[in-house]
Amino acid sequence: MDCGDGVTSALFRTVCGRFATGVAVATTCDAKGGRWGLTVNSFSSVSLDPPLVLFSIDKNASSHGVFVGSPRFAVNILAEDQQALSDRFSFFKDDDRFSGIALETGESDRPPLLSGALGHLICDLENTFPGGDHTILLGRVRHTAVSSDPSARPLLYFSGGYATIS
């Protein structure tokens, strides 16, 4: 293994890409009830007591201001058969992302929950922190749901592409 002294953006991205992550879609609503969402692999649990999670959002993302300004968000943990949803929330324009998507029904004031996900975490925005070219959103988990399918498997991301557990 070659250990160089310098850190370039490209090398940093390559090395971090060697860390396999799950894939999730963070969702929220704006003040007018508009639905917003984006694919994240920066999701992480932080604390059990109180239950806290985080994800990071690029400051240049069109949804940045909405997520930072919303009092709550949801994290939808994707199953391995939901790669198309991951792609949709990565590449589609914001107003097209929810078109034709199956959502879980429930309270009208909660963020959108994607049907078929392995799990959902509904969070109150606890705090935000600067993180270079990203903002870190810390959420206090208020409600959870988990898939009842014992054979369901996660969608993974590794080395610049999707991966599965074999």
N, C-alpha and C. Protein backbone atom coordinates (compact mmCIF):
# COMPACT_ATOMS: atom_id res chain seq x y z
N MET A 1 0.85 -1.17 0.00
CA MET A 1 0.00 0.00 0.00
C MET A 1 0.90 1.23 0.00
N ASP A 2 0.60 2.15 -0.91
CA ASP A 2 1.37 3.39 -1.01
C ASP A 2 0.74 4.45 -0.12
N CYS A 3 1.50 4.98 0.82
CA CYS A 3 1.01 6.02 1.73
C CYS A 3 1.71 7.32 1.40
N GLY A 4 1.06 8.16 0.63
CA GLY A 4 1.63 9.45 0.27
C GLY A 4 1.38 10.49 1.35
N ASP A 5 2.15 11.56 1.30
CA ASP A 5 2.00 12.63 2.28
C ASP A 5 0.88 13.60 1.93
N GLY A 6 0.59 13.78 0.65
CA GLY A 6 -0.41 14.75 0.22
C GLY A 6 -1.80 14.16 0.18
N VAL A 7 -2.79 15.02 0.30
CA VAL A 7 -4.18 14.62 0.20
C VAL A 7 -4.84 15.48 -0.86
N THR A 8 -5.22 14.86 -1.96
CA THR A 8 -5.97 15.56 -2.99
C THR A 8 -7.43 15.16 -2.87
N SER A 9 -8.31 15.96 -3.44
CA SER A 9 -9.74 15.62 -3.41
C SER A 9 -10.00 14.27 -4.07
N ALA A 10 -9.33 14.02 -5.20
CA ALA A 10 -9.53 12.76 -5.92
C ALA A 10 -9.06 11.57 -5.10
N LEU A 11 -7.89 11.67 -4.49
CA LEU A 11 -7.38 10.57 -3.67
C LEU A 11 -8.25 10.36 -2.43
N PHE A 12 -8.66 11.44 -1.80
CA PHE A 12 -9.53 11.34 -0.62
C PHE A 12 -10.83 10.63 -0.98
N ARG A 13 -11.43 10.99 -2.12
CA ARG A 13 -12.66 10.35 -2.57
C ARG A 13 -12.44 8.86 -2.84
N THR A 14 -11.32 8.52 -3.47
CA THR A 14 -11.01 7.13 -3.77
C THR A 14 -10.87 6.30 -2.50
N VAL A 15 -10.12 6.81 -1.55
CA VAL A 15 -9.90 6.08 -0.30
C VAL A 15 -11.21 5.94 0.48
N CYS A 16 -11.98 7.00 0.60
CA CYS A 16 -13.26 6.93 1.31
C CYS A 16 -14.23 5.99 0.60
N GLY A 17 -14.12 5.89 -0.72
CA GLY A 17 -14.96 4.99 -1.48
C GLY A 17 -14.71 3.52 -1.17
N ARG A 18 -13.61 3.22 -0.54
CA ARG A 18 -13.30 1.83 -0.14
C ARG A 18 -14.06 1.43 1.12
N PHE A 19 -14.75 2.38 1.72
CA PHE A 19 -15.58 2.08 2.90
C PHE A 19 -17.00 1.82 2.41
N ALA A 20 -17.47 0.59 2.52
CA ALA A 20 -18.82 0.25 2.08
C ALA A 20 -19.84 0.90 3.00
N THR A 21 -20.86 1.49 2.39
CA THR A 21 -21.91 2.13 3.17
C THR A 21 -23.27 1.64 2.71
N GLY A 22 -24.24 1.77 3.58
CA GLY A 22 -25.61 1.57 3.19
C GLY A 22 -26.06 2.79 2.40
N VAL A 23 -27.21 2.67 1.76
CA VAL A 23 -27.75 3.78 0.98
C VAL A 23 -29.12 4.13 1.57
N ALA A 24 -29.35 5.41 1.75
CA ALA A 24 -30.62 5.88 2.30
C ALA A 24 -31.09 7.09 1.50
N VAL A 25 -32.37 7.38 1.62
CA VAL A 25 -32.93 8.60 1.06
C VAL A 25 -33.47 9.41 2.23
N ALA A 26 -32.93 10.63 2.39
CA ALA A 26 -33.44 11.55 3.39
C ALA A 26 -34.57 12.34 2.75
N THR A 27 -35.66 12.54 3.49
CA THR A 27 -36.81 13.27 2.97
C THR A 27 -37.27 14.30 3.99
N THR A 28 -37.91 15.34 3.48
CA THR A 28 -38.49 16.37 4.33
C THR A 28 -39.56 17.10 3.54
N CYS A 29 -40.22 18.05 4.19
CA CYS A 29 -41.20 18.90 3.53
C CYS A 29 -40.86 20.35 3.81
N ASP A 30 -41.13 21.20 2.81
CA ASP A 30 -40.89 22.62 3.03
C ASP A 30 -42.13 23.25 3.69
N ALA A 31 -42.08 24.54 3.94
CA ALA A 31 -43.16 25.24 4.65
C ALA A 31 -44.49 25.19 3.90
N LYS A 32 -44.45 25.00 2.57
CA LYS A 32 -45.67 24.93 1.77
C LYS A 32 -46.16 23.50 1.56
N GLY A 33 -45.49 22.53 2.19
CA GLY A 33 -45.88 21.13 2.04
C GLY A 33 -45.22 20.42 0.88
N GLY A 34 -44.32 21.10 0.17
CA GLY A 34 -43.60 20.46 -0.93
C GLY A 34 -42.66 19.39 -0.40
N ARG A 35 -42.57 18.28 -1.13
CA ARG A 35 -41.73 17.16 -0.70
C ARG A 35 -40.33 17.27 -1.31
N TRP A 36 -39.34 17.01 -0.50
CA TRP A 36 -37.94 17.07 -0.92
C TRP A 36 -37.24 15.81 -0.46
N GLY A 37 -36.28 15.34 -1.25
CA GLY A 37 -35.52 14.17 -0.87
C GLY A 37 -34.22 14.08 -1.64
N LEU A 38 -33.26 13.39 -1.04
CA LEU A 38 -31.99 13.16 -1.72
C LEU A 38 -31.36 11.88 -1.19
N THR A 39 -30.60 11.23 -2.06
CA THR A 39 -29.88 10.02 -1.69
C THR A 39 -28.67 10.39 -0.85
N VAL A 40 -28.46 9.66 0.24
CA VAL A 40 -27.30 9.90 1.10
C VAL A 40 -26.64 8.57 1.45
N ASN A 41 -25.32 8.60 1.53
CA ASN A 41 -24.61 7.45 2.10
C ASN A 41 -23.78 7.93 3.29
N SER A 42 -23.99 9.18 3.67
CA SER A 42 -23.29 9.74 4.84
C SER A 42 -24.10 9.54 6.11
N PHE A 43 -25.16 8.76 6.06
CA PHE A 43 -26.01 8.51 7.22
C PHE A 43 -25.26 7.68 8.27
N SER A 44 -25.47 8.03 9.54
CA SER A 44 -24.83 7.28 10.62
C SER A 44 -25.64 7.44 11.91
N SER A 45 -25.67 6.39 12.71
CA SER A 45 -26.22 6.53 14.05
C SER A 45 -25.16 7.21 14.91
N VAL A 46 -25.61 7.98 15.90
CA VAL A 46 -24.69 8.75 16.74
C VAL A 46 -24.79 8.31 18.20
N SER A 47 -26.01 8.16 18.70
CA SER A 47 -26.22 7.92 20.12
C SER A 47 -27.47 7.07 20.33
N LEU A 48 -27.43 6.21 21.35
CA LEU A 48 -28.62 5.45 21.73
C LEU A 48 -29.48 6.20 22.74
N ASP A 49 -28.83 6.98 23.59
CA ASP A 49 -29.56 7.69 24.64
C ASP A 49 -29.05 9.11 24.78
N PRO A 50 -29.71 10.07 24.14
CA PRO A 50 -30.93 9.94 23.35
C PRO A 50 -30.63 9.36 21.97
N PRO A 51 -31.66 8.84 21.29
CA PRO A 51 -31.44 8.28 19.95
C PRO A 51 -31.18 9.41 18.95
N LEU A 52 -29.95 9.45 18.42
CA LEU A 52 -29.55 10.49 17.48
C LEU A 52 -28.92 9.87 16.24
N VAL A 53 -29.18 10.49 15.09
CA VAL A 53 -28.57 10.10 13.83
C VAL A 53 -28.09 11.36 13.12
N LEU A 54 -27.26 11.17 12.08
CA LEU A 54 -26.82 12.31 11.29
C LEU A 54 -26.68 11.93 9.84
N PHE A 55 -26.73 12.94 9.01
CA PHE A 55 -26.30 12.82 7.62
C PHE A 55 -25.77 14.18 7.19
N SER A 56 -25.01 14.18 6.11
CA SER A 56 -24.41 15.41 5.61
C SER A 56 -25.03 15.76 4.26
N ILE A 57 -25.18 17.06 4.03
CA ILE A 57 -25.73 17.53 2.77
C ILE A 57 -24.82 18.62 2.20
N ASP A 58 -24.55 18.52 0.91
CA ASP A 58 -23.72 19.48 0.21
C ASP A 58 -24.37 20.87 0.28
N LYS A 59 -23.59 21.87 0.60
CA LYS A 59 -24.12 23.23 0.71
C LYS A 59 -24.66 23.75 -0.62
N ASN A 60 -24.23 23.16 -1.73
CA ASN A 60 -24.71 23.56 -3.05
C ASN A 60 -25.93 22.78 -3.52
N ALA A 61 -26.38 21.81 -2.74
CA ALA A 61 -27.55 21.03 -3.13
C ALA A 61 -28.78 21.93 -3.15
N SER A 62 -29.64 21.75 -4.12
CA SER A 62 -30.84 22.58 -4.22
C SER A 62 -31.76 22.42 -3.02
N SER A 63 -31.66 21.31 -2.33
CA SER A 63 -32.51 21.05 -1.16
C SER A 63 -31.85 21.45 0.16
N HIS A 64 -30.63 21.98 0.11
CA HIS A 64 -29.90 22.32 1.34
C HIS A 64 -30.71 23.22 2.26
N GLY A 65 -31.19 24.34 1.74
CA GLY A 65 -31.93 25.28 2.57
C GLY A 65 -33.20 24.69 3.15
N VAL A 66 -33.86 23.81 2.40
CA VAL A 66 -35.09 23.18 2.88
C VAL A 66 -34.78 22.25 4.04
N PHE A 67 -33.77 21.39 3.89
CA PHE A 67 -33.43 20.47 4.98
C PHE A 67 -32.96 21.20 6.22
N VAL A 68 -32.11 22.21 6.05
CA VAL A 68 -31.58 22.96 7.19
C VAL A 68 -32.70 23.74 7.89
N GLY A 69 -33.71 24.18 7.13
CA GLY A 69 -34.79 24.99 7.70
C GLY A 69 -36.00 24.22 8.15
N SER A 70 -36.05 22.92 7.90
CA SER A 70 -37.22 22.12 8.28
C SER A 70 -37.07 21.59 9.70
N PRO A 71 -38.17 21.52 10.44
CA PRO A 71 -38.07 21.02 11.82
C PRO A 71 -37.92 19.51 11.92
N ARG A 72 -38.18 18.78 10.82
CA ARG A 72 -38.06 17.32 10.89
C ARG A 72 -37.66 16.76 9.53
N PHE A 73 -37.09 15.57 9.59
CA PHE A 73 -36.73 14.85 8.37
C PHE A 73 -36.88 13.37 8.65
N ALA A 74 -36.89 12.58 7.58
CA ALA A 74 -36.92 11.13 7.70
C ALA A 74 -35.72 10.55 6.97
N VAL A 75 -35.27 9.41 7.44
CA VAL A 75 -34.24 8.63 6.75
C VAL A 75 -34.90 7.32 6.36
N ASN A 76 -34.89 7.04 5.07
CA ASN A 76 -35.45 5.81 4.51
C ASN A 76 -34.28 4.92 4.11
N ILE A 77 -34.08 3.82 4.82
CA ILE A 77 -32.96 2.91 4.56
C ILE A 77 -33.37 1.96 3.43
N LEU A 78 -32.65 2.03 2.31
CA LEU A 78 -33.07 1.33 1.10
C LEU A 78 -32.68 -0.15 1.10
N ALA A 79 -33.57 -0.94 0.50
CA ALA A 79 -33.34 -2.37 0.29
C ALA A 79 -32.59 -2.55 -1.03
N GLU A 80 -31.97 -3.73 -1.22
CA GLU A 80 -31.15 -3.94 -2.41
C GLU A 80 -31.93 -3.86 -3.71
N ASP A 81 -33.25 -4.04 -3.68
CA ASP A 81 -34.04 -3.92 -4.90
C ASP A 81 -34.52 -2.49 -5.16
N GLN A 82 -33.99 -1.52 -4.41
CA GLN A 82 -34.42 -0.12 -4.56
C GLN A 82 -33.33 0.78 -5.18
N GLN A 83 -32.46 0.19 -5.97
CA GLN A 83 -31.42 0.98 -6.62
C GLN A 83 -32.03 2.08 -7.50
N ALA A 84 -33.15 1.79 -8.15
CA ALA A 84 -33.80 2.80 -9.00
C ALA A 84 -34.23 4.01 -8.17
N LEU A 85 -34.67 3.79 -6.92
CA LEU A 85 -35.02 4.92 -6.05
C LEU A 85 -33.78 5.73 -5.69
N SER A 86 -32.70 5.04 -5.40
CA SER A 86 -31.45 5.74 -5.10
C SER A 86 -31.04 6.62 -6.28
N ASP A 87 -31.10 6.06 -7.48
CA ASP A 87 -30.76 6.83 -8.67
C ASP A 87 -31.71 8.01 -8.87
N ARG A 88 -32.99 7.77 -8.67
CA ARG A 88 -34.00 8.82 -8.84
C ARG A 88 -33.71 10.00 -7.92
N PHE A 89 -33.40 9.72 -6.66
CA PHE A 89 -33.18 10.79 -5.69
C PHE A 89 -31.76 11.37 -5.77
N SER A 90 -30.94 10.79 -6.64
CA SER A 90 -29.62 11.35 -6.91
C SER A 90 -29.62 12.24 -8.14
N PHE A 91 -30.38 11.85 -9.18
CA PHE A 91 -30.22 12.48 -10.48
C PHE A 91 -31.44 13.24 -11.00
N PHE A 92 -32.65 12.91 -10.57
CA PHE A 92 -33.84 13.60 -11.07
C PHE A 92 -33.92 15.01 -10.51
N LYS A 93 -34.60 15.89 -11.22
CA LYS A 93 -34.85 17.23 -10.71
C LYS A 93 -35.78 17.12 -9.49
N ASP A 94 -35.65 18.08 -8.58
CA ASP A 94 -36.40 18.03 -7.32
C ASP A 94 -37.90 17.85 -7.52
N ASP A 95 -38.51 18.52 -8.49
CA ASP A 95 -39.96 18.42 -8.65
C ASP A 95 -40.39 17.10 -9.27
N ASP A 96 -39.49 16.30 -9.79
CA ASP A 96 -39.82 15.02 -10.40
C ASP A 96 -39.57 13.83 -9.47
N ARG A 97 -38.89 14.00 -8.39
CA ARG A 97 -38.41 12.87 -7.60
C ARG A 97 -39.52 12.02 -6.99
N PHE A 98 -40.63 12.60 -6.61
CA PHE A 98 -41.69 11.84 -5.95
C PHE A 98 -42.79 11.39 -6.90
N SER A 99 -42.73 11.80 -8.15
CA SER A 99 -43.76 11.45 -9.12
C SER A 99 -43.83 9.94 -9.31
N GLY A 100 -45.00 9.36 -9.03
CA GLY A 100 -45.22 7.93 -9.23
C GLY A 100 -44.59 7.02 -8.19
N ILE A 101 -44.05 7.58 -7.11
CA ILE A 101 -43.40 6.80 -6.06
C ILE A 101 -44.42 6.36 -5.02
N ALA A 102 -44.36 5.10 -4.61
CA ALA A 102 -45.24 4.61 -3.55
C ALA A 102 -44.73 5.10 -2.20
N LEU A 103 -45.62 5.73 -1.44
CA LEU A 103 -45.28 6.24 -0.12
C LEU A 103 -46.13 5.57 0.94
N GLU A 104 -45.57 5.46 2.13
CA GLU A 104 -46.32 4.96 3.28
C GLU A 104 -47.33 6.03 3.68
N THR A 105 -48.51 5.60 4.08
CA THR A 105 -49.51 6.56 4.53
C THR A 105 -49.36 6.77 6.02
N GLY A 106 -49.85 7.88 6.52
CA GLY A 106 -49.74 8.19 7.93
C GLY A 106 -50.05 9.63 8.20
N GLU A 107 -49.48 10.15 9.26
CA GLU A 107 -49.76 11.52 9.66
C GLU A 107 -49.36 12.50 8.54
N SER A 108 -50.16 13.53 8.39
CA SER A 108 -49.92 14.49 7.30
C SER A 108 -48.72 15.40 7.57
N ASP A 109 -48.29 15.53 8.82
CA ASP A 109 -47.20 16.45 9.13
C ASP A 109 -45.82 15.78 9.15
N ARG A 110 -45.76 14.52 8.77
CA ARG A 110 -44.46 13.85 8.79
C ARG A 110 -43.80 13.89 7.41
N PRO A 111 -42.49 13.74 7.38
CA PRO A 111 -41.80 13.68 6.08
C PRO A 111 -42.23 12.45 5.30
N PRO A 112 -42.08 12.48 3.98
CA PRO A 112 -42.45 11.32 3.16
C PRO A 112 -41.64 10.08 3.53
N LEU A 113 -42.32 8.93 3.56
CA LEU A 113 -41.67 7.65 3.83
C LEU A 113 -41.83 6.77 2.59
N LEU A 114 -40.72 6.25 2.08
CA LEU A 114 -40.73 5.45 0.86
C LEU A 114 -41.15 4.02 1.16
N SER A 115 -42.15 3.55 0.44
CA SER A 115 -42.61 2.16 0.61
C SER A 115 -41.50 1.19 0.22
N GLY A 116 -41.45 0.07 0.93
CA GLY A 116 -40.49 -0.98 0.62
C GLY A 116 -39.12 -0.80 1.24
N ALA A 117 -38.91 0.29 1.96
CA ALA A 117 -37.60 0.52 2.60
C ALA A 117 -37.39 -0.50 3.73
N LEU A 118 -36.13 -0.76 4.05
CA LEU A 118 -35.81 -1.66 5.16
C LEU A 118 -36.18 -1.06 6.50
N GLY A 119 -36.12 0.26 6.58
CA GLY A 119 -36.46 0.93 7.82
C GLY A 119 -36.66 2.41 7.59
N HIS A 120 -37.38 3.01 8.52
CA HIS A 120 -37.63 4.45 8.51
C HIS A 120 -37.28 5.02 9.87
N LEU A 121 -36.67 6.18 9.87
CA LEU A 121 -36.41 6.93 11.09
C LEU A 121 -36.98 8.33 10.88
N ILE A 122 -37.91 8.72 11.70
CA ILE A 122 -38.47 10.08 11.63
C ILE A 122 -37.82 10.87 12.75
N CYS A 123 -37.21 11.99 12.37
CA CYS A 123 -36.36 12.74 13.29
C CYS A 123 -36.77 14.20 13.38
N ASP A 124 -36.63 14.76 14.57
CA ASP A 124 -36.68 16.21 14.74
C ASP A 124 -35.26 16.72 14.54
N LEU A 125 -35.12 17.81 13.81
CA LEU A 125 -33.80 18.40 13.61
C LEU A 125 -33.31 18.94 14.94
N GLU A 126 -32.25 18.34 15.45
CA GLU A 126 -31.69 18.70 16.76
C GLU A 126 -30.68 19.85 16.62
N ASN A 127 -29.83 19.77 15.57
CA ASN A 127 -28.80 20.78 15.40
C ASN A 127 -28.18 20.62 14.02
N THR A 128 -27.47 21.65 13.58
CA THR A 128 -26.68 21.58 12.35
C THR A 128 -25.27 22.05 12.69
N PHE A 129 -24.32 21.52 11.93
CA PHE A 129 -22.91 21.85 12.16
C PHE A 129 -22.23 22.07 10.81
N PRO A 130 -21.33 23.05 10.72
CA PRO A 130 -20.57 23.20 9.48
C PRO A 130 -19.61 22.04 9.32
N GLY A 131 -19.45 21.58 8.10
CA GLY A 131 -18.53 20.48 7.80
C GLY A 131 -17.89 20.69 6.44
N GLY A 132 -17.04 21.70 6.32
CA GLY A 132 -16.41 21.99 5.04
C GLY A 132 -17.43 22.42 4.02
N ASP A 133 -17.51 21.70 2.88
CA ASP A 133 -18.48 22.07 1.85
C ASP A 133 -19.85 21.43 2.08
N HIS A 134 -20.04 20.82 3.25
CA HIS A 134 -21.30 20.20 3.64
C HIS A 134 -21.81 20.79 4.95
N THR A 135 -23.08 20.54 5.22
CA THR A 135 -23.67 20.81 6.53
C THR A 135 -24.07 19.48 7.12
N ILE A 136 -23.74 19.26 8.37
CA ILE A 136 -24.09 18.04 9.08
C ILE A 136 -25.39 18.28 9.83
N LEU A 137 -26.39 17.45 9.56
CA LEU A 137 -27.68 17.55 10.23
C LEU A 137 -27.77 16.46 11.28
N LEU A 138 -28.01 16.86 12.50
CA LEU A 138 -28.18 15.93 13.62
C LEU A 138 -29.65 15.85 13.95
N GLY A 139 -30.20 14.64 13.95
CA GLY A 139 -31.62 14.46 14.21
C GLY A 139 -31.87 13.58 15.41
N ARG A 140 -32.88 13.98 16.20
CA ARG A 140 -33.34 13.16 17.33
C ARG A 140 -34.46 12.27 16.81
N VAL A 141 -34.27 10.97 16.90
CA VAL A 141 -35.23 10.00 16.37
C VAL A 141 -36.47 10.00 17.27
N ARG A 142 -37.63 10.23 16.64
CA ARG A 142 -38.91 10.27 17.36
C ARG A 142 -39.78 9.06 17.06
N HIS A 143 -39.65 8.50 15.85
CA HIS A 143 -40.44 7.33 15.45
C HIS A 143 -39.59 6.45 14.56
N THR A 144 -39.81 5.14 14.65
CA THR A 144 -39.10 4.19 13.81
C THR A 144 -40.07 3.17 13.23
N ALA A 145 -39.67 2.56 12.15
CA ALA A 145 -40.38 1.43 11.56
C ALA A 145 -39.34 0.55 10.90
N VAL A 146 -39.56 -0.75 10.92
CA VAL A 146 -38.61 -1.68 10.33
C VAL A 146 -39.37 -2.70 9.49
N SER A 147 -38.76 -3.13 8.39
CA SER A 147 -39.37 -4.12 7.50
C SER A 147 -39.59 -5.43 8.25
N SER A 148 -40.72 -6.05 7.98
CA SER A 148 -41.02 -7.35 8.60
C SER A 148 -40.53 -8.50 7.73
N ASP A 149 -39.90 -8.20 6.60
CA ASP A 149 -39.39 -9.22 5.69
C ASP A 149 -38.01 -9.70 6.16
N PRO A 150 -37.91 -10.92 6.71
CA PRO A 150 -36.63 -11.40 7.22
C PRO A 150 -35.58 -11.65 6.14
N SER A 151 -36.00 -11.73 4.87
CA SER A 151 -35.04 -11.97 3.80
C SER A 151 -34.58 -10.66 3.13
N ALA A 152 -35.11 -9.53 3.55
CA ALA A 152 -34.74 -8.25 2.95
C ALA A 152 -33.26 -7.96 3.20
N ARG A 153 -32.61 -7.41 2.18
CA ARG A 153 -31.18 -7.12 2.26
C ARG A 153 -30.94 -5.66 1.90
N PRO A 154 -29.84 -5.08 2.38
CA PRO A 154 -29.58 -3.66 2.16
C PRO A 154 -28.99 -3.35 0.79
N LEU A 155 -29.26 -2.14 0.32
CA LEU A 155 -28.57 -1.61 -0.85
C LEU A 155 -27.27 -1.01 -0.34
N LEU A 156 -26.16 -1.39 -0.95
CA LEU A 156 -24.84 -0.93 -0.51
C LEU A 156 -24.17 -0.12 -1.61
N TYR A 157 -23.22 0.70 -1.19
CA TYR A 157 -22.41 1.48 -2.13
C TYR A 157 -20.96 1.26 -1.78
N PHE A 158 -20.14 0.93 -2.80
CA PHE A 158 -18.73 0.63 -2.57
C PHE A 158 -17.93 1.00 -3.80
N SER A 159 -16.85 1.71 -3.61
CA SER A 159 -15.89 2.03 -4.67
C SER A 159 -16.55 2.62 -5.92
N GLY A 160 -17.48 3.54 -5.68
CA GLY A 160 -18.10 4.26 -6.79
C GLY A 160 -19.26 3.56 -7.46
N GLY A 161 -19.76 2.47 -6.89
CA GLY A 161 -20.89 1.77 -7.49
C GLY A 161 -21.68 1.00 -6.46
N TYR A 162 -22.82 0.47 -6.89
CA TYR A 162 -23.66 -0.31 -5.99
C TYR A 162 -23.05 -1.69 -5.77
N ALA A 163 -23.33 -2.25 -4.62
CA ALA A 163 -22.81 -3.57 -4.26
C ALA A 163 -23.89 -4.33 -3.50
N THR A 164 -23.73 -5.62 -3.41
CA THR A 164 -24.66 -6.47 -2.65
C THR A 164 -23.86 -7.39 -1.75
N ILE A 165 -24.53 -7.92 -0.76
CA ILE A 165 -23.93 -8.93 0.11
C ILE A 165 -24.16 -10.27 -0.56
N SER A 166 -23.08 -11.04 -0.73
CA SER A 166 -23.26 -12.35 -1.37
C SER A 166 -23.25 -13.44 -0.33
